[in-house]
């Protein structure tokens, strides 16, 4: 059982907090590249790990991520002029480059020494896979930039999206690690016994700890047909990779895909979920229509957001538009969209779940081990130890998969050709 004290160490993400300091040792998604596509375009507000920041793309294409307030009089940099390789505060004209260095101070005399030592807080960024990644930790501890397989896939074969979730990152992350819930929460065809996950609602799980986090599998017994096995990866500190090749409900998909999520804390009570997806290999491009179909099935299609935001229009304010008649006759929840169903459960736990009141079972093995690794990482930061998932060499070649394994077969042998990156 997780104690109240342990729970607090898991969920608080601000600077100086145990989990907050741990998360700052990793590169984290700060925003999508598409949000600041234009050079010298409008700055964008970013809130990450309870810090208010401003992102901008300069004249040369560099991405700056700076404090939200000018160091002069704390004026909001959101209203700044993005011009000539810097962001200029409109209050008194102070201008800062992407590294945070003050490059112009027109409100002071030309011979003033102030400009030489003036900076605005700025964080390193890299742009990969359609995402702007930021590192908010100590510079002497900064790891190599992220190099997951999905970051190397060309845009013709991949996409990434994001959505807002009003709860702490931990309960959202744990929802992703939980594999047995898909037989119930995501049962969108009641009575359909061709659906792989409908046929066995108590999957056997196995977890193998690795240098990047862990590999875990769910195995569903389909009788004479063998076992449906899904191989996942948990990559520290907040990413899940999963196979979507055989599919959830039986039958081969026309275009096998791999996908996953990264749950990034905005602050203690809100999260951005980054959703990535790519084709199995070079033979599987993903068109705009393919992307929309995939996202719509999750409840993240183009018509599923409040315009101009990343907030789903099915949300706590309208009870996710649950249809009780549909719940009686068609689907287990009566809620449309697999991710919307997830959000209803995760947000419904409250902004921060009280884990001291849980009663975990055997199907929660992946969650138990995940918490152990998060605790290990927090303790390692405090003691000066090493962290899992910091070195790209530990994860760059791994990939998830799902498929059928004959009775008596071993997924480790059967899936060998499928579990190594192809990009």
Protein backbone atom coordinates (compact mmCIF):
# COMPACT_ATOMS: atom_id res chain seq x y z
CA UNK A 1 0.00 0.00 0.00
CA UNK A 2 1.19 3.51 -0.81
CA UNK A 3 1.22 5.76 2.24
CA UNK A 4 0.02 9.35 2.30
CA UNK A 5 3.63 10.49 2.69
CA UNK A 6 4.81 8.39 -0.28
CA UNK A 7 1.95 9.68 -2.38
CA UNK A 8 3.02 13.26 -1.72
CA UNK A 9 6.53 12.45 -2.92
CA UNK A 10 5.10 11.00 -6.14
CA UNK A 11 2.69 13.76 -7.11
CA UNK A 12 4.25 17.15 -6.30
CA UNK A 13 6.11 18.41 -9.36
CA UNK A 14 7.21 21.94 -8.45
CA UNK A 15 10.84 22.96 -8.07
CA UNK A 16 12.27 21.63 -4.82
CA UNK A 17 9.70 18.85 -4.56
CA UNK A 18 10.93 15.22 -4.73
CA UNK A 19 9.11 14.23 -7.93
CA UNK A 20 9.67 17.67 -9.41
CA UNK A 21 13.42 17.41 -9.01
CA UNK A 22 13.41 13.88 -10.44
CA UNK A 23 11.39 14.88 -13.52
CA UNK A 24 13.75 17.80 -14.13
CA UNK A 25 16.58 15.34 -14.81
CA UNK A 26 14.87 14.19 -18.03
CA UNK A 27 14.06 15.85 -21.35
CA UNK A 28 10.30 16.50 -21.40
CA UNK A 29 7.91 17.59 -24.15
CA UNK A 30 7.16 21.30 -23.70
CA UNK A 31 4.90 21.83 -26.73
CA UNK A 32 4.32 20.64 -30.26
CA UNK A 33 6.48 22.04 -33.05
CA UNK A 34 3.27 23.02 -34.84
CA UNK A 35 2.39 25.42 -32.01
CA UNK A 36 5.34 27.66 -32.94
CA UNK A 37 5.79 26.79 -36.59
CA UNK A 38 6.42 30.37 -37.75
CA UNK A 39 9.79 32.07 -37.43
CA UNK A 40 9.35 35.41 -35.65
CA UNK A 41 5.78 34.31 -34.99
CA UNK A 42 3.64 34.86 -31.93
CA UNK A 43 5.08 33.66 -28.61
CA UNK A 44 3.22 30.83 -26.87
CA UNK A 45 2.50 30.36 -23.19
CA UNK A 46 3.90 27.13 -21.70
CA UNK A 47 3.32 25.80 -18.21
CA UNK A 48 5.60 22.90 -17.35
CA UNK A 49 6.34 21.38 -13.95
CA UNK A 50 4.44 24.27 -12.31
CA UNK A 51 6.65 26.88 -14.02
CA UNK A 52 5.21 29.59 -16.27
CA UNK A 53 7.27 29.96 -19.43
CA UNK A 54 7.14 31.47 -22.91
CA UNK A 55 8.21 29.67 -26.09
CA UNK A 56 9.18 31.40 -29.33
CA UNK A 57 10.85 30.51 -32.61
CA UNK A 58 13.42 33.10 -33.62
CA UNK A 59 14.44 34.44 -37.02
CA UNK A 60 16.88 31.57 -37.58
CA UNK A 61 14.45 28.87 -36.45
CA UNK A 62 15.89 28.37 -32.96
CA UNK A 63 13.35 27.74 -30.23
CA UNK A 64 13.65 29.72 -27.03
CA UNK A 65 11.94 28.74 -23.78
CA UNK A 66 12.20 31.55 -21.26
CA UNK A 67 10.61 32.72 -18.04
CA UNK A 68 7.17 34.21 -18.50
CA UNK A 69 8.11 37.56 -16.93
CA UNK A 70 10.71 40.15 -17.83
CA UNK A 71 13.46 40.47 -15.17
CA UNK A 72 13.15 44.27 -15.33
CA UNK A 73 9.68 44.91 -13.88
CA UNK A 74 8.08 41.46 -14.26
CA UNK A 75 6.06 42.46 -17.29
CA UNK A 76 4.52 39.52 -19.23
CA UNK A 77 6.74 38.35 -22.07
CA UNK A 78 3.72 36.78 -23.79
CA UNK A 79 3.01 40.21 -25.30
CA UNK A 80 6.61 40.54 -26.47
CA UNK A 81 7.76 41.31 -30.01
CA UNK A 82 9.46 38.30 -31.58
CA UNK A 83 11.93 40.00 -33.92
CA UNK A 84 15.48 39.75 -35.23
CA UNK A 85 16.59 36.72 -33.22
CA UNK A 86 15.11 37.75 -29.91
CA UNK A 87 12.00 38.37 -27.85
CA UNK A 88 11.56 42.02 -26.89
CA UNK A 89 9.49 43.06 -23.87
CA UNK A 90 6.97 45.68 -24.98
CA UNK A 91 7.04 47.47 -21.61
CA UNK A 92 10.53 49.02 -21.87
CA UNK A 93 12.06 47.30 -24.90
CA UNK A 94 14.49 44.91 -23.20
CA UNK A 95 15.30 42.10 -25.62
CA UNK A 96 16.50 38.55 -24.94
CA UNK A 97 17.80 35.84 -27.26
CA UNK A 98 16.92 32.14 -27.17
CA UNK A 99 19.66 31.51 -24.59
CA UNK A 100 18.20 34.16 -22.27
CA UNK A 101 20.97 36.71 -22.82
CA UNK A 102 19.94 40.36 -22.92
CA UNK A 103 20.94 41.71 -26.35
CA UNK A 104 19.32 45.15 -26.18
CA UNK A 105 18.34 47.53 -23.37
CA UNK A 106 17.10 50.72 -25.06
CA UNK A 107 15.62 52.23 -21.90
CA UNK A 108 19.09 52.52 -20.33
CA UNK A 109 22.03 54.73 -21.36
CA UNK A 110 24.27 53.20 -24.07
CA UNK A 111 27.19 53.01 -21.64
CA UNK A 112 25.18 51.31 -18.87
CA UNK A 113 26.86 48.11 -17.59
CA UNK A 114 23.45 46.54 -16.85
CA UNK A 115 23.01 44.81 -20.18
CA UNK A 116 26.23 42.79 -19.94
CA UNK A 117 25.08 40.82 -16.92
CA UNK A 118 21.34 40.78 -17.49
CA UNK A 119 19.59 37.53 -18.40
CA UNK A 120 16.12 36.04 -18.36
CA UNK A 121 15.77 32.47 -17.16
CA UNK A 122 15.98 30.14 -20.16
CA UNK A 123 15.96 26.37 -20.62
CA UNK A 124 17.72 24.26 -23.29
CA UNK A 125 15.48 22.88 -26.04
CA UNK A 126 15.79 20.39 -28.88
CA UNK A 127 13.27 19.75 -31.63
CA UNK A 128 12.63 16.14 -32.58
CA UNK A 129 9.68 14.15 -33.86
CA UNK A 130 7.38 17.16 -34.12
CA UNK A 131 7.95 18.03 -30.44
CA UNK A 132 9.91 20.76 -28.67
CA UNK A 133 11.73 19.03 -25.81
CA UNK A 134 13.00 20.98 -22.80
CA UNK A 135 15.42 20.22 -20.00
CA UNK A 136 14.65 22.01 -16.73
CA UNK A 137 17.29 20.45 -14.50
CA UNK A 138 20.87 21.27 -13.45
CA UNK A 139 23.02 21.94 -16.50
CA UNK A 140 25.83 19.72 -15.27
CA UNK A 141 23.38 16.81 -15.14
CA UNK A 142 21.83 17.34 -18.58
CA UNK A 143 21.62 14.03 -20.48
CA UNK A 144 21.91 13.48 -24.21
CA UNK A 145 18.77 14.53 -26.14
CA UNK A 146 15.98 11.96 -26.48
CA UNK A 147 16.32 9.35 -29.22
CA UNK A 148 13.23 7.12 -29.11
CA UNK A 149 12.48 5.25 -32.31
CA UNK A 150 9.36 7.33 -32.95
CA UNK A 151 11.50 10.48 -33.10
CA UNK A 152 13.40 9.07 -36.10
CA UNK A 153 10.35 8.18 -38.19
CA UNK A 154 9.68 10.56 -41.12
CA UNK A 155 6.51 12.71 -40.96
CA UNK A 156 5.02 10.71 -43.84
CA UNK A 157 4.86 7.70 -41.54
CA UNK A 158 4.13 9.28 -38.15
CA UNK A 159 2.27 11.91 -36.19
CA UNK A 160 2.06 13.30 -32.68
CA UNK A 161 -0.81 15.08 -30.93
CA UNK A 162 -1.58 16.29 -27.44
CA UNK A 163 -4.57 16.69 -25.15
CA UNK A 164 -5.21 18.30 -21.77
CA UNK A 165 -6.16 16.18 -18.77
CA UNK A 166 -7.34 17.70 -15.51
CA UNK A 167 -5.59 15.47 -12.98
CA UNK A 168 -2.15 14.69 -11.61
CA UNK A 169 0.23 13.01 -14.04
CA UNK A 170 0.63 9.90 -11.86
CA UNK A 171 -2.95 8.67 -12.08
CA UNK A 172 -2.95 9.34 -15.82
CA UNK A 173 0.35 7.45 -16.21
CA UNK A 174 -0.95 4.56 -14.14
CA UNK A 175 -4.02 4.38 -16.35
CA UNK A 176 -1.70 3.73 -19.27
CA UNK A 177 0.21 1.04 -17.41
CA UNK A 178 -3.00 -0.78 -16.46
CA UNK A 179 -3.72 -3.42 -19.11
CA UNK A 180 -6.72 -5.30 -17.69
CA UNK A 181 -9.04 -2.28 -17.80
CA UNK A 182 -9.19 -2.41 -21.60
CA UNK A 183 -11.40 -5.51 -21.42
CA UNK A 184 -13.99 -3.48 -19.55
CA UNK A 185 -13.60 0.28 -19.91
CA UNK A 186 -12.84 -0.02 -23.63
CA UNK A 187 -15.37 -2.74 -24.41
CA UNK A 188 -17.11 -0.87 -27.20
CA UNK A 189 -18.95 -3.90 -28.52
CA UNK A 190 -20.76 -5.73 -25.73
CA UNK A 191 -21.31 -9.38 -26.53
CA UNK A 192 -18.80 -9.45 -29.37
CA UNK A 193 -16.75 -12.51 -28.51
CA UNK A 194 -14.50 -12.14 -31.55
CA UNK A 195 -12.98 -9.18 -29.75
CA UNK A 196 -9.66 -10.38 -28.37
CA UNK A 197 -9.91 -8.50 -25.08
CA UNK A 198 -13.53 -9.42 -24.50
CA UNK A 199 -12.63 -13.09 -24.46
CA UNK A 200 -10.32 -12.90 -21.46
CA UNK A 201 -10.78 -10.10 -18.96
CA UNK A 202 -8.13 -11.35 -16.52
CA UNK A 203 -4.86 -11.22 -18.48
CA UNK A 204 -1.70 -12.63 -16.98
CA UNK A 205 0.99 -10.00 -16.69
CA UNK A 206 4.75 -10.18 -16.47
CA UNK A 207 7.18 -7.34 -15.75
CA UNK A 208 10.90 -7.33 -16.50
CA UNK A 209 12.89 -4.37 -15.15
CA UNK A 210 15.41 -2.88 -17.58
CA UNK A 211 17.94 -0.04 -17.70
CA UNK A 212 15.28 2.26 -19.19
CA UNK A 213 12.34 1.23 -17.02
CA UNK A 214 10.67 -2.08 -17.79
CA UNK A 215 9.14 -4.31 -20.42
CA UNK A 216 5.78 -5.75 -19.52
CA UNK A 217 3.31 -8.03 -21.24
CA UNK A 218 -0.33 -8.95 -20.98
CA UNK A 219 -1.31 -12.47 -22.06
CA UNK A 220 -4.91 -13.39 -22.80
CA UNK A 221 -5.92 -17.03 -23.13
CA UNK A 222 -7.92 -17.64 -26.32
CA UNK A 223 -8.18 -21.39 -25.94
CA UNK A 224 -7.19 -23.51 -28.91
CA UNK A 225 -6.14 -20.38 -30.82
CA UNK A 226 -3.30 -19.74 -28.40
CA UNK A 227 -2.59 -16.53 -26.49
CA UNK A 228 -2.97 -12.90 -27.44
CA UNK A 229 0.17 -11.19 -26.12
CA UNK A 230 0.79 -7.48 -26.01
CA UNK A 231 4.31 -6.24 -25.29
CA UNK A 232 4.63 -2.78 -23.75
CA UNK A 233 7.54 -0.69 -22.57
CA UNK A 234 7.57 1.78 -19.70
CA UNK A 235 10.36 4.26 -20.36
CA UNK A 236 11.29 6.38 -17.37
CA UNK A 237 9.94 8.64 -16.17
CA UNK A 238 6.55 8.96 -17.92
CA UNK A 239 6.29 7.20 -21.28
CA UNK A 240 4.44 4.11 -22.44
CA UNK A 241 5.10 2.32 -25.75
CA UNK A 242 2.62 -0.23 -27.02
CA UNK A 243 1.92 -2.34 -30.09
CA UNK A 244 -1.27 -1.86 -32.09
CA UNK A 245 -0.52 -4.41 -34.78
CA UNK A 246 -3.04 -7.22 -34.28
CA UNK A 247 -5.52 -4.74 -32.86
CA UNK A 248 -7.82 -4.65 -29.90
CA UNK A 249 -10.84 -6.43 -31.27
CA UNK A 250 -9.55 -9.16 -33.54
CA UNK A 251 -8.52 -9.34 -37.18
CA UNK A 252 -5.48 -7.81 -38.77
CA UNK A 253 -5.43 -4.05 -39.10
CA UNK A 254 -5.02 -2.74 -42.63
CA UNK A 255 -2.09 -0.64 -41.43
CA UNK A 256 -0.29 -2.00 -38.37
CA UNK A 257 0.97 0.76 -36.10
CA UNK A 258 2.97 1.34 -32.95
CA UNK A 259 1.87 4.04 -30.58
CA UNK A 260 2.23 5.40 -27.10
CA UNK A 261 1.83 8.28 -24.70
CA UNK A 262 3.93 10.61 -22.59
CA UNK A 263 2.19 12.14 -19.59
CA UNK A 264 3.78 15.53 -18.88
CA UNK A 265 2.87 17.42 -15.70
CA UNK A 266 1.66 20.96 -16.25
CA UNK A 267 1.48 21.30 -12.48
CA UNK A 268 0.27 19.18 -9.56
CA UNK A 269 -3.31 18.91 -10.83
CA UNK A 270 -3.13 19.02 -14.62
CA UNK A 271 -1.33 17.14 -17.37
CA UNK A 272 -0.68 17.26 -21.10
CA UNK A 273 -0.81 13.86 -22.75
CA UNK A 274 1.38 13.58 -25.86
CA UNK A 275 0.13 10.84 -28.17
CA UNK A 276 2.51 9.49 -30.81
CA UNK A 277 1.94 6.94 -33.53
CA UNK A 278 3.95 5.58 -36.45
CA UNK A 279 3.78 2.89 -39.09
CA UNK A 280 5.32 -0.52 -38.52
CA UNK A 281 7.92 0.01 -41.26
CA UNK A 282 8.56 1.89 -44.50
CA UNK A 283 5.65 0.12 -46.17
CA UNK A 284 3.16 1.78 -43.83
CA UNK A 285 2.83 5.53 -44.41
CA UNK A 286 0.14 7.38 -42.48
CA UNK A 287 -2.05 9.78 -44.42
CA UNK A 288 -3.99 12.66 -42.92
CA UNK A 289 -7.13 10.54 -43.27
CA UNK A 290 -5.45 7.63 -41.45
CA UNK A 291 -4.43 9.97 -38.63
CA UNK A 292 -7.91 11.41 -38.26
CA UNK A 293 -9.48 7.95 -38.20
CA UNK A 294 -7.04 6.79 -35.52
CA UNK A 295 -7.47 9.91 -33.40
CA UNK A 296 -11.26 9.95 -33.78
CA UNK A 297 -11.50 6.39 -32.45
CA UNK A 298 -9.67 7.60 -29.34
CA UNK A 299 -11.95 10.61 -28.96
CA UNK A 300 -9.21 13.01 -30.08
CA UNK A 301 -10.44 13.77 -33.60
CA UNK A 302 -10.54 17.29 -35.03
CA UNK A 303 -14.12 17.77 -33.84
CA UNK A 304 -13.45 16.50 -30.32
CA UNK A 305 -11.71 19.58 -28.90
CA UNK A 306 -12.98 22.91 -27.65
CA UNK A 307 -11.86 25.22 -30.49
CA UNK A 308 -8.48 26.83 -29.96
CA UNK A 309 -7.56 24.53 -27.05
CA UNK A 310 -6.30 21.04 -26.30
CA UNK A 311 -9.30 20.40 -24.00
CA UNK A 312 -11.73 17.68 -25.06
CA UNK A 313 -15.32 18.79 -25.52
CA UNK A 314 -16.38 15.64 -23.67
CA UNK A 315 -15.13 16.50 -20.20
CA UNK A 316 -16.10 16.60 -16.50
CA UNK A 317 -18.32 19.63 -17.07
CA UNK A 318 -20.76 17.56 -19.14
CA UNK A 319 -20.05 14.10 -17.68
CA UNK A 320 -18.24 13.20 -20.92
CA UNK A 321 -21.69 13.17 -22.58
CA UNK A 322 -22.34 9.70 -21.25
CA UNK A 323 -25.24 7.97 -23.02
CA UNK A 324 -26.93 5.65 -20.54
CA UNK A 325 -28.95 3.90 -23.23
CA UNK A 326 -25.79 3.19 -25.18
CA UNK A 327 -24.28 1.89 -21.95
CA UNK A 328 -27.18 -0.56 -21.54
CA UNK A 329 -27.09 -1.91 -25.07
CA UNK A 330 -23.84 -1.22 -26.93
CA UNK A 331 -20.76 -0.26 -24.92
CA UNK A 332 -19.55 -0.86 -21.38
CA UNK A 333 -19.38 2.84 -20.50
CA UNK A 334 -21.72 4.71 -22.82
CA UNK A 335 -18.85 7.17 -23.38
CA UNK A 336 -17.48 7.70 -26.90
CA UNK A 337 -13.70 7.49 -27.48
CA UNK A 338 -11.19 5.22 -25.80
CA UNK A 339 -9.12 8.07 -24.38
CA UNK A 340 -12.27 9.90 -23.31
CA UNK A 341 -13.18 6.78 -21.36
CA UNK A 342 -9.72 6.86 -19.76
CA UNK A 343 -10.10 10.51 -18.83
CA UNK A 344 -13.49 9.89 -17.23
CA UNK A 345 -11.87 7.40 -14.85
CA UNK A 346 -8.62 9.26 -14.23
CA UNK A 347 -10.08 12.76 -13.85
CA UNK A 348 -12.95 11.25 -11.90
CA UNK A 349 -10.50 10.19 -9.17
CA UNK A 350 -10.09 13.89 -8.34
CA UNK A 351 -7.14 16.17 -9.06
CA UNK A 352 -4.82 13.95 -6.97
CA UNK A 353 -5.77 10.36 -6.17
CA UNK A 354 -5.44 9.14 -2.57
CA UNK A 355 -3.42 5.96 -3.11
CA UNK A 356 -3.44 5.13 0.59
CA UNK A 357 -7.04 3.92 0.17
CA UNK A 358 -6.42 1.51 -2.74
CA UNK A 359 -6.60 -2.28 -2.73
CA UNK A 360 -4.32 -3.53 -5.49
CA UNK A 361 -4.53 -7.00 -7.05
CA UNK A 362 -2.42 -9.26 -9.23
CA UNK A 363 -3.47 -7.39 -12.39
CA UNK A 364 -1.82 -4.26 -10.96
CA UNK A 365 1.71 -5.65 -11.10
CA UNK A 366 2.87 -3.12 -13.71
CA UNK A 367 1.60 -0.25 -11.57
CA UNK A 368 3.30 -1.59 -8.45
CA UNK A 369 6.65 -1.90 -10.24
CA UNK A 370 6.26 1.52 -11.86
CA UNK A 371 5.79 3.15 -8.46
CA UNK A 372 8.84 1.31 -7.20
CA UNK A 373 10.93 2.69 -10.07
CA UNK A 374 9.59 6.23 -9.58
CA UNK A 375 10.49 5.98 -5.90
CA UNK A 376 13.93 4.62 -6.83
CA UNK A 377 14.50 7.57 -9.19
CA UNK A 378 13.41 10.13 -6.59
CA UNK A 379 15.73 8.54 -4.03
CA UNK A 380 18.57 8.45 -6.58
CA UNK A 381 18.29 12.18 -7.27
CA UNK A 382 18.39 12.89 -3.55
CA UNK A 383 21.38 10.61 -2.98
CA UNK A 384 23.32 11.51 -6.12
CA UNK A 385 22.79 8.14 -7.81
CA UNK A 386 22.18 7.25 -11.44
CA UNK A 387 18.78 7.20 -13.15
CA UNK A 388 17.17 4.69 -15.48
CA UNK A 389 16.23 5.94 -18.93
CA UNK A 390 18.75 8.79 -19.01
CA UNK A 391 21.09 7.19 -21.54
CA UNK A 392 19.49 6.90 -25.03
CA UNK A 393 21.54 3.75 -25.65
CA UNK A 394 19.29 1.92 -23.20
CA UNK A 395 16.06 2.55 -25.13
CA UNK A 396 16.77 3.77 -28.66
CA UNK A 397 16.34 0.33 -30.27
CA UNK A 398 13.34 -1.00 -28.34
CA UNK A 399 9.85 -1.17 -29.77
CA UNK A 400 6.53 -2.68 -28.65
CA UNK A 401 4.44 -5.30 -30.42
CA UNK A 402 1.29 -7.37 -30.10
CA UNK A 403 0.22 -10.61 -31.72
CA UNK A 404 -0.85 -14.23 -31.34
CA UNK A 405 1.40 -16.83 -29.75
CA UNK A 406 0.62 -20.55 -30.18
CA UNK A 407 -0.25 -22.50 -27.07
CA UNK A 408 3.01 -23.50 -25.41
CA UNK A 409 4.96 -20.90 -27.38
CA UNK A 410 7.12 -18.16 -25.86
CA UNK A 411 6.49 -14.58 -26.93
CA UNK A 412 10.18 -13.79 -26.46
CA UNK A 413 10.99 -16.24 -29.25
CA UNK A 414 7.94 -15.63 -31.43
CA UNK A 415 8.31 -11.85 -31.41
CA UNK A 416 12.09 -11.58 -31.88
CA UNK A 417 11.84 -9.99 -35.38
CA UNK A 418 9.34 -7.42 -34.15
CA UNK A 419 10.86 -6.05 -30.94
CA UNK A 420 13.82 -4.16 -32.39
CA UNK A 421 13.55 -0.70 -33.94
CA UNK A 422 13.36 -0.62 -37.73
CA UNK A 423 13.89 3.14 -38.13
